[in-house]
PDB file of N, CA and C in Angstrom:
ATOM      1  N   MET A   1     236.337 253.615 117.279  1.00  0.00           N
ATOM      2  CA  MET A   1     237.739 253.325 117.061  1.00  0.00           C
ATOM      3  C   MET A   1     238.076 252.037 117.791  1.00  0.00           C
ATOM      4  N   THR A   2     238.771 251.141 117.135  1.00  0.00           N
ATOM      5  CA  THR A   2     239.108 249.869 117.755  1.00  0.00           C
ATOM      6  C   THR A   2     240.354 249.998 118.602  1.00  0.00           C
ATOM      7  N   MET A   3     240.566 249.008 119.451  1.00  0.00           N
ATOM      8  CA  MET A   3     241.719 249.020 120.347  1.00  0.00           C
ATOM      9  C   MET A   3     243.025 248.993 119.565  1.00  0.00           C
ATOM     10  N   SER A   4     243.087 248.243 118.457  1.00  0.00           N
ATOM     11  CA  SER A   4     244.327 248.142 117.695  1.00  0.00           C
ATOM     12  C   SER A   4     244.687 249.454 117.000  1.00  0.00           C
ATOM     13  N   SER A   5     243.698 250.196 116.513  1.00  0.00           N
ATOM     14  CA  SER A   5     244.012 251.472 115.862  1.00  0.00           C
ATOM     15  C   SER A   5     244.452 252.510 116.878  1.00  0.00           C
ATOM     16  N   THR A   6     243.920 252.435 118.114  1.00  0.00           N
ATOM     17  CA  THR A   6     244.330 253.359 119.156  1.00  0.00           C
ATOM     18  C   THR A   6     245.777 253.109 119.551  1.00  0.00           C
ATOM     19  N   SER A   7     246.141 251.843 119.739  1.00  0.00           N
ATOM     20  CA  SER A   7     247.512 251.540 120.134  1.00  0.00           C
ATOM     21  C   SER A   7     248.492 251.817 118.999  1.00  0.00           C
ATOM     22  N   ALA A   8     248.020 251.732 117.754  1.00  0.00           N
ATOM     23  CA  ALA A   8     248.885 252.026 116.614  1.00  0.00           C
ATOM     24  C   ALA A   8     249.163 253.517 116.500  1.00  0.00           C
ATOM     25  N   ASP A   9     248.292 254.347 117.093  1.00  0.00           N
ATOM     26  CA  ASP A   9     248.472 255.790 117.051  1.00  0.00           C
ATOM     27  C   ASP A   9     249.399 256.290 118.157  1.00  0.00           C
ATOM     28  N   CYS A  10     249.861 255.412 119.031  1.00  0.00           N
ATOM     29  CA  CYS A  10     250.745 255.788 120.142  1.00  0.00           C
ATOM     30  C   CYS A  10     252.076 255.056 120.022  1.00  0.00           C
ATOM     31  N   ILE A  11     253.112 255.693 120.511  1.00  0.00           N
ATOM     32  CA  ILE A  11     254.415 255.033 120.589  1.00  0.00           C
ATOM     33  C   ILE A  11     255.000 255.279 121.980  1.00  0.00           C
ATOM     34  N   THR A  12     255.980 254.488 122.337  1.00  0.00           N
ATOM     35  CA  THR A  12     256.699 254.650 123.595  1.00  0.00           C
ATOM     36  C   THR A  12     258.076 255.212 123.280  1.00  0.00           C
ATOM     37  N   ILE A  13     258.424 256.317 123.946  1.00  0.00           N
ATOM     38  CA  ILE A  13     259.745 256.912 123.744  1.00  0.00           C
ATOM     39  C   ILE A  13     260.472 256.989 125.083  1.00  0.00           C
ATOM     40  N   LEU A  14     261.780 257.041 125.013  1.00  0.00           N
ATOM     41  CA  LEU A  14     262.624 257.173 126.193  1.00  0.00           C
ATOM     42  C   LEU A  14     263.183 258.589 126.230  1.00  0.00           C
ATOM     43  N   VAL A  15     263.070 259.233 127.376  1.00  0.00           N
ATOM     44  CA  VAL A  15     263.669 260.550 127.578  1.00  0.00           C
ATOM     45  C   VAL A  15     264.710 260.382 128.687  1.00  0.00           C
ATOM     46  N   LYS A  16     265.935 260.849 128.429  1.00  0.00           N
ATOM     47  CA  LYS A  16     267.003 260.685 129.412  1.00  0.00           C
ATOM     48  C   LYS A  16     267.880 261.924 129.448  1.00  0.00           C
ATOM     49  N   ASP A  17     268.606 262.080 130.565  1.00  0.00           N
ATOM     50  CA  ASP A  17     269.532 263.209 130.672  1.00  0.00           C
ATOM     51  C   ASP A  17     270.944 262.703 130.936  1.00  0.00           C
ATOM     52  N   GLN A  18     271.885 263.630 131.077  1.00  0.00           N
ATOM     53  CA  GLN A  18     273.282 263.254 131.239  1.00  0.00           C
ATOM     54  C   GLN A  18     273.583 262.686 132.618  1.00  0.00           C
ATOM     55  N   HIS A  19     272.610 262.751 133.534  1.00  0.00           N
ATOM     56  CA  HIS A  19     272.779 262.188 134.880  1.00  0.00           C
ATOM     57  C   HIS A  19     272.156 260.803 134.971  1.00  0.00           C
ATOM     58  N   ASP A  20     271.828 260.228 133.828  1.00  0.00           N
ATOM     59  CA  ASP A  20     271.263 258.886 133.703  1.00  0.00           C
ATOM     60  C   ASP A  20     269.858 258.762 134.286  1.00  0.00           C
ATOM     61  N   HIS A  21     269.122 259.870 134.379  1.00  0.00           N
ATOM     62  CA  HIS A  21     267.697 259.796 134.698  1.00  0.00           C
ATOM     63  C   HIS A  21     266.989 259.379 133.417  1.00  0.00           C
ATOM     64  N   LYS A  22     266.162 258.347 133.502  1.00  0.00           N
ATOM     65  CA  LYS A  22     265.461 257.849 132.317  1.00  0.00           C
ATOM     66  C   LYS A  22     263.991 257.654 132.645  1.00  0.00           C
ATOM     67  N   LEU A  23     263.130 258.115 131.745  1.00  0.00           N
ATOM     68  CA  LEU A  23     261.693 257.896 131.877  1.00  0.00           C
ATOM     69  C   LEU A  23     261.128 257.495 130.517  1.00  0.00           C
ATOM     70  N   PHE A  24     260.232 256.518 130.546  1.00  0.00           N
ATOM     71  CA  PHE A  24     259.536 256.106 129.334  1.00  0.00           C
ATOM     72  C   PHE A  24     258.179 256.788 129.296  1.00  0.00           C
ATOM     73  N   TYR A  25     257.782 257.228 128.120  1.00  0.00           N
ATOM     74  CA  TYR A  25     256.493 257.882 127.923  1.00  0.00           C
ATOM     75  C   TYR A  25     255.776 257.228 126.754  1.00  0.00           C
ATOM     76  N   LYS A  26     254.491 257.019 126.933  1.00  0.00           N
ATOM     77  CA  LYS A  26     253.640 256.576 125.838  1.00  0.00           C
ATOM     78  C   LYS A  26     252.909 257.823 125.359  1.00  0.00           C
ATOM     79  N   ILE A  27     253.048 258.146 124.078  1.00  0.00           N
ATOM     80  CA  ILE A  27     252.518 259.400 123.558  1.00  0.00           C
ATOM     81  C   ILE A  27     251.841 259.173 122.207  1.00  0.00           C
ATOM     82  N   HIS A  28     250.764 259.900 122.002  1.00  0.00           N
ATOM     83  CA  HIS A  28     250.033 259.860 120.735  1.00  0.00           C
ATOM     84  C   HIS A  28     250.892 260.534 119.664  1.00  0.00           C
ATOM     85  N   LYS A  29     250.919 259.958 118.491  1.00  0.00           N
ATOM     86  CA  LYS A  29     251.770 260.465 117.412  1.00  0.00           C
ATOM     87  C   LYS A  29     251.426 261.876 116.964  1.00  0.00           C
ATOM     88  N   GLY A  30     250.208 262.333 117.214  1.00  0.00           N
ATOM     89  CA  GLY A  30     249.795 263.662 116.792  1.00  0.00           C
ATOM     90  C   GLY A  30     250.025 264.744 117.836  1.00  0.00           C
ATOM     91  N   LYS A  31     250.516 264.383 119.014  1.00  0.00           N
ATOM     92  CA  LYS A  31     250.728 265.351 120.099  1.00  0.00           C
ATOM     93  C   LYS A  31     252.122 265.957 120.022  1.00  0.00           C
ATOM     94  N   PRO A  32     252.249 267.245 120.374  1.00  0.00           N
ATOM     95  CA  PRO A  32     253.586 267.855 120.418  1.00  0.00           C
ATOM     96  C   PRO A  32     254.446 267.186 121.497  1.00  0.00           C
ATOM     97  N   VAL A  33     255.684 266.965 121.195  1.00  0.00           N
ATOM     98  CA  VAL A  33     256.605 266.309 122.119  1.00  0.00           C
ATOM     99  C   VAL A  33     256.926 267.213 123.323  1.00  0.00           C
ATOM    100  N   LYS A  34     256.608 268.483 123.216  1.00  0.00           N
ATOM    101  CA  LYS A  34     256.892 269.453 124.278  1.00  0.00           C
ATOM    102  C   LYS A  34     256.263 269.050 125.610  1.00  0.00           C
ATOM    103  N   LYS A  35     255.053 268.506 125.587  1.00  0.00           N
ATOM    104  CA  LYS A  35     254.374 268.104 126.822  1.00  0.00           C
ATOM    105  C   LYS A  35     255.191 267.072 127.589  1.00  0.00           C
ATOM    106  N   VAL A  36     255.716 266.099 126.891  1.00  0.00           N
ATOM    107  CA  VAL A  36     256.529 265.058 127.505  1.00  0.00           C
ATOM    108  C   VAL A  36     257.812 265.658 128.073  1.00  0.00           C
ATOM    109  N   LEU A  37     258.441 266.530 127.318  1.00  0.00           N
ATOM    110  CA  LEU A  37     259.708 267.119 127.750  1.00  0.00           C
ATOM    111  C   LEU A  37     259.524 268.024 128.960  1.00  0.00           C
ATOM    112  N   MET A  38     258.422 268.749 128.992  1.00  0.00           N
ATOM    113  CA  MET A  38     258.138 269.593 130.159  1.00  0.00           C
ATOM    114  C   MET A  38     257.914 268.733 131.402  1.00  0.00           C
ATOM    115  N   ASP A  39     257.229 267.617 131.247  1.00  0.00           N
ATOM    116  CA  ASP A  39     257.016 266.704 132.372  1.00  0.00           C
ATOM    117  C   ASP A  39     258.340 266.120 132.856  1.00  0.00           C
ATOM    118  N   PHE A  40     259.188 265.710 131.924  1.00  0.00           N
ATOM    119  CA  PHE A  40     260.492 265.164 132.298  1.00  0.00           C
ATOM    120  C   PHE A  40     261.303 266.194 133.079  1.00  0.00           C
ATOM    121  N   CYS A  41     261.332 267.418 132.586  1.00  0.00           N
ATOM    122  CA  CYS A  41     262.091 268.482 133.255  1.00  0.00           C
ATOM    123  C   CYS A  41     261.543 268.748 134.660  1.00  0.00           C
ATOM    124  N   LYS A  42     260.242 268.731 134.794  1.00  0.00           N
ATOM    125  CA  LYS A  42     259.628 268.951 136.105  1.00  0.00           C
ATOM    126  C   LYS A  42     260.014 267.831 137.077  1.00  0.00           C
ATOM    127  N   ARG A  43     259.965 266.599 136.622  1.00  0.00           N
ATOM    128  CA  ARG A  43     260.282 265.446 137.470  1.00  0.00           C
ATOM    129  C   ARG A  43     261.757 265.373 137.849  1.00  0.00           C
ATOM    130  N   THR A  44     262.628 265.868 136.985  1.00  0.00           N
ATOM    131  CA  THR A  44     264.069 265.784 137.240  1.00  0.00           C
ATOM    132  C   THR A  44     264.671 267.114 137.685  1.00  0.00           C
ATOM    133  N   ASN A  45     263.805 268.095 137.941  1.00  0.00           N
ATOM    134  CA  ASN A  45     264.235 269.405 138.446  1.00  0.00           C
ATOM    135  C   ASN A  45     265.208 270.109 137.488  1.00  0.00           C
ATOM    136  N   VAL A  46     264.850 270.122 136.207  1.00  0.00           N
ATOM    137  CA  VAL A  46     265.630 270.801 135.170  1.00  0.00           C
ATOM    138  C   VAL A  46     264.787 271.947 134.638  1.00  0.00           C
ATOM    139  N   ASP A  47     265.391 273.107 134.434  1.00  0.00           N
ATOM    140  CA  ASP A  47     264.674 274.255 133.879  1.00  0.00           C
ATOM    141  C   ASP A  47     264.438 274.021 132.386  1.00  0.00           C
ATOM    142  N   PHE A  48     263.175 273.863 132.014  1.00  0.00           N
ATOM    143  CA  PHE A  48     262.817 273.579 130.622  1.00  0.00           C
ATOM    144  C   PHE A  48     263.339 274.659 129.682  1.00  0.00           C
ATOM    145  N   ARG A  49     263.279 275.911 130.112  1.00  0.00           N
ATOM    146  CA  ARG A  49     263.674 277.030 129.239  1.00  0.00           C
ATOM    147  C   ARG A  49     265.170 277.059 128.946  1.00  0.00           C
ATOM    148  N   SER A  50     265.993 276.510 129.843  1.00  0.00           N
ATOM    149  CA  SER A  50     267.432 276.550 129.600  1.00  0.00           C
ATOM    150  C   SER A  50     267.983 275.224 129.063  1.00  0.00           C
ATOM    151  N   ALA A  51     267.190 274.172 129.128  1.00  0.00           N
ATOM    152  CA  ALA A  51     267.634 272.868 128.616  1.00  0.00           C
ATOM    153  C   ALA A  51     267.531 272.848 127.096  1.00  0.00           C
ATOM    154  N   TYR A  52     268.293 271.960 126.501  1.00  0.00           N
ATOM    155  CA  TYR A  52     268.108 271.724 125.073  1.00  0.00           C
ATOM    156  C   TYR A  52     267.967 270.234 124.850  1.00  0.00           C
ATOM    157  N   PHE A  53     267.357 269.888 123.732  1.00  0.00           N
ATOM    158  CA  PHE A  53     266.900 268.529 123.498  1.00  0.00           C
ATOM    159  C   PHE A  53     267.469 268.001 122.190  1.00  0.00           C
ATOM    160  N   LEU A  54     267.925 266.753 122.241  1.00  0.00           N
ATOM    161  CA  LEU A  54     268.552 266.131 121.083  1.00  0.00           C
ATOM    162  C   LEU A  54     267.801 264.874 120.678  1.00  0.00           C
ATOM    163  N   LEU A  55     267.574 264.733 119.391  1.00  0.00           N
ATOM    164  CA  LEU A  55     267.008 263.528 118.800  1.00  0.00           C
ATOM    165  C   LEU A  55     267.984 263.087 117.727  1.00  0.00           C
ATOM    166  N   ASN A  56     268.533 261.906 117.873  1.00  0.00           N
ATOM    167  CA  ASN A  56     269.564 261.403 116.953  1.00  0.00           C
ATOM    168  C   ASN A  56     270.747 262.361 116.855  1.00  0.00           C
ATOM    169  N   GLY A  57     271.092 262.992 117.987  1.00  0.00           N
ATOM    170  CA  GLY A  57     272.253 263.867 118.047  1.00  0.00           C
ATOM    171  C   GLY A  57     272.037 265.288 117.562  1.00  0.00           C
ATOM    172  N   SER A  58     270.825 265.628 117.146  1.00  0.00           N
ATOM    173  CA  SER A  58     270.544 266.965 116.628  1.00  0.00           C
ATOM    174  C   SER A  58     269.427 267.628 117.419  1.00  0.00           C
ATOM    175  N   ARG A  59     269.550 268.960 117.580  1.00  0.00           N
ATOM    176  CA  ARG A  59     268.486 269.719 118.236  1.00  0.00           C
ATOM    177  C   ARG A  59     267.257 269.761 117.335  1.00  0.00           C
ATOM    178  N   PHE A  60     266.090 269.951 117.957  1.00  0.00           N
ATOM    179  CA  PHE A  60     264.842 269.981 117.198  1.00  0.00           C
ATOM    180  C   PHE A  60     263.858 270.921 117.877  1.00  0.00           C
ATOM    181  N   ASP A  61     262.823 271.282 117.138  1.00  0.00           N
ATOM    182  CA  ASP A  61     261.759 272.158 117.635  1.00  0.00           C
ATOM    183  C   ASP A  61     260.817 271.326 118.504  1.00  0.00           C
ATOM    184  N   THR A  62     260.692 271.685 119.773  1.00  0.00           N
ATOM    185  CA  THR A  62     259.864 270.912 120.700  1.00  0.00           C
ATOM    186  C   THR A  62     258.364 271.063 120.432  1.00  0.00           C
ATOM    187  N   ASN A  63     257.980 271.999 119.592  1.00  0.00           N
ATOM    188  CA  ASN A  63     256.567 272.169 119.250  1.00  0.00           C
ATOM    189  C   ASN A  63     256.105 271.197 118.167  1.00  0.00           C
ATOM    190  N   LEU A  64     257.043 270.469 117.571  1.00  0.00           N
ATOM    191  CA  LEU A  64     256.683 269.502 116.540  1.00  0.00           C
ATOM    192  C   LEU A  64     256.062 268.259 117.172  1.00  0.00           C
ATOM    193  N   THR A  65     255.264 267.553 116.386  1.00  0.00           N
ATOM    194  CA  THR A  65     254.643 266.318 116.867  1.00  0.00           C
ATOM    195  C   THR A  65     255.567 265.130 116.595  1.00  0.00           C
ATOM    196  N   ILE A  66     255.200 264.009 117.189  1.00  0.00           N
ATOM    197  CA  ILE A  66     255.949 262.773 116.969  1.00  0.00           C
ATOM    198  C   ILE A  66     255.975 262.431 115.477  1.00  0.00           C
ATOM    199  N   ASN A  67     254.843 262.587 114.802  1.00  0.00           N
ATOM    200  CA  ASN A  67     254.781 262.325 113.350  1.00  0.00           C
ATOM    201  C   ASN A  67     255.714 263.253 112.581  1.00  0.00           C
ATOM    202  N   GLN A  68     255.702 264.541 112.913  1.00  0.00           N
ATOM    203  CA  GLN A  68     256.546 265.506 112.208  1.00  0.00           C
ATOM    204  C   GLN A  68     258.030 265.221 112.438  1.00  0.00           C
ATOM    205  N   LEU A  69     258.359 264.670 113.596  1.00  0.00           N
ATOM    206  CA  LEU A  69     259.754 264.323 113.891  1.00  0.00           C
ATOM    207  C   LEU A  69     260.123 262.947 113.338  1.00  0.00           C
ATOM    208  N   ASP A  70     259.141 262.253 112.765  1.00  0.00           N
ATOM    209  CA  ASP A  70     259.340 260.920 112.183  1.00  0.00           C
ATOM    210  C   ASP A  70     259.922 259.943 113.213  1.00  0.00           C
ATOM    211  N   MET A  71     259.400 260.028 114.443  1.00  0.00           N
ATOM    212  CA  MET A  71     259.882 259.159 115.510  1.00  0.00           C
ATOM    213  C   MET A  71     259.187 257.803 115.458  1.00  0.00           C
ATOM    214  N   GLU A  72     259.914 256.804 115.941  1.00  0.00           N
ATOM    215  CA  GLU A  72     259.390 255.452 116.038  1.00  0.00           C
ATOM    216  C   GLU A  72     259.442 255.015 117.495  1.00  0.00           C
ATOM    217  N   SER A  73     258.724 253.957 117.811  1.00  0.00           N
ATOM    218  CA  SER A  73     258.716 253.441 119.170  1.00  0.00           C
ATOM    219  C   SER A  73     260.143 253.084 119.596  1.00  0.00           C
ATOM    220  N   GLU A  74     260.455 253.365 120.852  1.00  0.00           N
ATOM    221  CA  GLU A  74     261.768 253.104 121.459  1.00  0.00           C
ATOM    222  C   GLU A  74     262.818 254.163 121.098  1.00  0.00           C
ATOM    223  N   ASP A  75     262.466 255.208 120.336  1.00  0.00           N
ATOM    224  CA  ASP A  75     263.417 256.290 120.067  1.00  0.00           C
ATOM    225  C   ASP A  75     263.746 257.008 121.365  1.00  0.00           C
ATOM    226  N   GLU A  76     264.939 257.619 121.411  1.00  0.00           N
ATOM    227  CA  GLU A  76     265.410 258.307 122.609  1.00  0.00           C
ATOM    228  C   GLU A  76     265.586 259.795 122.357  1.00  0.00           C
ATOM    229  N   ILE A  77     265.177 260.585 123.344  1.00  0.00           N
ATOM    230  CA  ILE A  77     265.428 262.023 123.333  1.00  0.00           C
ATOM    231  C   ILE A  77     266.360 262.307 124.511  1.00  0.00           C
ATOM    232  N   GLU A  78     267.437 263.023 124.239  1.00  0.00           N
ATOM    233  CA  GLU A  78     268.378 263.393 125.291  1.00  0.00           C
ATOM    234  C   GLU A  78     268.110 264.824 125.737  1.00  0.00           C
ATOM    235  N   VAL A  79     268.073 265.025 127.050  1.00  0.00           N
ATOM    236  CA  VAL A  79     267.873 266.344 127.640  1.00  0.00           C
ATOM    237  C   VAL A  79     269.219 266.803 128.188  1.00  0.00           C
ATOM    238  N   MET A  80     269.682 267.933 127.708  1.00  0.00           N
ATOM    239  CA  MET A  80     270.977 268.454 128.118  1.00  0.00           C
ATOM    240  C   MET A  80     270.797 269.776 128.853  1.00  0.00           C
ATOM    241  N   SER A  81     271.474 269.910 129.986  1.00  0.00           N
ATOM    242  CA  SER A  81     271.458 271.156 130.748  1.00  0.00           C
ATOM    243  C   SER A  81     272.717 271.935 130.411  1.00  0.00           C
ATOM    244  N   PRO A  82     272.612 273.246 130.338  1.00  0.00           N
ATOM    245  CA  PRO A  82     273.812 274.028 130.049  1.00  0.00           C
ATOM    246  C   PRO A  82     274.796 273.944 131.220  1.00  0.00           C
ATOM    247  N   MET A  83     276.078 273.965 130.890  1.00  0.00           N
ATOM    248  CA  MET A  83     277.106 273.950 131.923  1.00  0.00           C
ATOM    249  C   MET A  83     277.517 275.383 132.234  1.00  0.00           C
ATOM    250  N   LEU A  84     277.575 275.700 133.474  1.00  0.00           N
ATOM    251  CA  LEU A  84     277.960 277.037 133.897  1.00  0.00           C
ATOM    252  C   LEU A  84     279.420 277.050 134.352  1.00  0.00           C
ATOM    253  N   GLY A  85     280.041 278.178 134.182  1.00  0.00           N
ATOM    254  CA  GLY A  85     281.423 278.301 134.628  1.00  0.00           C
ATOM    255  C   GLY A  85     282.414 277.828 133.581  1.00  0.00           C
ATOM    256  N   GLY A  86     283.566 277.455 134.044  1.00  0.00           N
ATOM    257  CA  GLY A  86     284.611 276.995 133.145  1.00  0.00           C
ATOM    258  C   GLY A  86     285.774 277.952 133.160  1.00  0.00           C
ATOM    259  N   GLY A  87     286.784 277.607 132.449  1.00  0.00           N
ATOM    260  CA  GLY A  87     287.973 278.459 132.426  1.00  0.00           C
ATOM    261  C   GLY A  87     288.825 278.270 133.661  1.00  0.00           C
ATOM    262  N   CYS A  88     289.888 279.006 133.737  1.00  0.00           N
ATOM    263  CA  CYS A  88     290.816 278.875 134.867  1.00  0.00           C
ATOM    264  C   CYS A  88     290.645 279.984 135.863  1.00  0.00           C
TER     265      CYS A  88
END
């Protein structure tokens, strides 16, 4: 496999949360995006099981691959934590 075909199989994505934590990840297009999201949650101290993830404003299945999500380089995934409490 040549160097150009290897780099063509990977893209760089941005993962960010509502507290403005941002991390860039280089990921192979055939890998599930879940690995990246779990790493982001671990680094930012967010519970992966309670967080939800948005791509272009919509929730998605984290078990899907970059190809299945039709993502391109520089796309952003937003990580949202549930808000507790509320009311008067």
